[in-house]
Amino acid sequence: MSVNSMEETNQQLLLEILNKLNNLELLIPSEVSLSDLANSCNKENNTVRKYIIANYEPEKDFYKKGGKIFVGKEVAFDVRKHYVKG
C-alpha cells in the first residue's frame, strides 16, 4: 500500500469516526439532572452534589431549575469520568 493510499484511508476513517461521534452527540441530552447523573455513576445524590459544588461554578457549570440541580453534558461527562477512576 502506498503512502498516499494509506493517508487517504486514514482520512476516510477519521471522517467516518467524526460522523459517528456527531450522530451520537445528538442522542445525549444537553442537560442532566443531578439525580440522573448520580444514578448513572452508581453514587448517592449527596456524594455527586458535594463533588459538583466543590469542583464547578454555580450558574456556569451547574444550576437549579424547579428545585433540582442540573449540569450540562460536558460536566456530566467529567463527573462520570471522575467516578469511573475512583
Protein backbone atom coordinates (compact mmCIF):
# COMPACT_ATOMS: atom_id res chain seq x y z
CA MET A 1 0.00 0.00 0.00
CA SER A 2 1.42 3.40 -0.95
CA VAL A 3 1.81 6.28 1.48
CA ASN A 4 -0.84 8.34 -0.34
CA SER A 5 -3.28 5.43 -0.27
CA MET A 6 -2.72 4.97 3.49
CA GLU A 7 -3.23 8.69 4.10
CA GLU A 8 -6.50 8.63 2.12
CA THR A 9 -7.67 5.55 4.05
CA ASN A 10 -6.78 7.17 7.38
CA GLN A 11 -8.54 10.39 6.41
CA GLN A 12 -11.64 8.45 5.34
CA LEU A 13 -11.64 6.52 8.64
CA LEU A 14 -11.30 9.74 10.63
CA LEU A 15 -14.22 11.28 8.75
CA GLU A 16 -16.34 8.20 9.45
CA ILE A 17 -15.46 8.35 13.15
CA LEU A 18 -16.26 12.07 13.30
CA ASN A 19 -19.61 11.45 11.61
CA LYS A 20 -20.47 8.71 14.10
CA LEU A 21 -19.50 10.92 17.04
CA ASN A 22 -21.64 13.74 15.71
CA ASN A 23 -24.59 11.36 15.42
CA LEU A 24 -24.04 10.08 18.96
CA GLU A 25 -23.85 13.61 20.32
CA LEU A 26 -27.41 14.18 19.08
CA LEU A 27 -28.58 11.38 21.39
CA ILE A 28 -27.05 12.93 24.52
CA PRO A 29 -29.23 15.47 26.33
CA SER A 30 -27.79 18.98 26.70
CA GLU A 31 -28.54 18.92 30.43
CA VAL A 32 -28.70 16.17 33.03
CA SER A 33 -30.29 16.28 36.49
CA LEU A 34 -28.07 15.58 39.45
CA SER A 35 -30.19 12.57 40.41
CA ASP A 36 -29.90 11.04 36.92
CA LEU A 37 -26.17 11.70 36.93
CA ALA A 38 -25.78 10.11 40.38
CA ASN A 39 -27.75 7.06 39.24
CA SER A 40 -25.57 6.65 36.15
CA CYS A 41 -22.46 6.81 38.37
CA ASN A 42 -23.91 4.43 40.99
CA LYS A 43 -23.37 7.09 43.65
CA GLU A 44 -25.63 8.79 46.17
CA ASN A 45 -27.10 12.16 45.15
CA ASN A 46 -25.37 13.86 48.07
CA THR A 47 -21.95 12.48 47.04
CA VAL A 48 -22.29 13.81 43.49
CA ARG A 49 -23.76 17.12 44.74
CA LYS A 50 -20.79 17.71 47.04
CA TYR A 51 -18.35 16.89 44.24
CA ILE A 52 -20.08 19.27 41.81
CA ILE A 53 -20.27 22.11 44.33
CA ALA A 54 -16.59 21.68 45.26
CA ASN A 55 -15.29 21.49 41.68
CA TYR A 56 -17.60 23.55 39.47
CA GLU A 57 -19.01 27.07 39.35
CA PRO A 58 -22.68 27.77 40.11
CA GLU A 59 -24.71 29.24 37.23
CA LYS A 60 -21.84 28.46 34.86
CA ASP A 61 -21.36 24.71 35.22
CA PHE A 62 -24.50 23.80 37.17
CA TYR A 63 -27.76 25.49 38.04
CA LYS A 64 -31.03 24.96 39.87
CA LYS A 65 -34.28 24.60 37.97
CA GLY A 66 -37.50 23.84 39.77
CA GLY A 67 -35.65 22.88 42.94
CA LYS A 68 -33.40 20.38 41.13
CA ILE A 69 -29.72 20.73 40.21
CA PHE A 70 -28.81 20.31 36.55
CA VAL A 71 -25.45 20.11 34.78
CA GLY A 72 -24.52 20.42 31.12
CA LYS A 73 -23.33 17.43 29.11
CA GLU A 74 -19.62 18.35 29.40
CA VAL A 75 -19.79 18.48 33.20
CA ALA A 76 -21.77 15.23 33.20
CA PHE A 77 -19.01 13.56 31.14
CA ASP A 78 -16.33 14.89 33.52
CA VAL A 79 -18.19 13.70 36.61
CA ARG A 80 -18.73 10.24 35.10
CA LYS A 81 -15.02 10.04 34.25
CA HIS A 82 -14.14 11.05 37.82
CA TYR A 83 -16.22 8.25 39.30
CA VAL A 84 -15.04 5.64 36.80
CA LYS A 85 -11.47 6.27 38.01
CA GLY A 86 -12.43 6.14 41.67
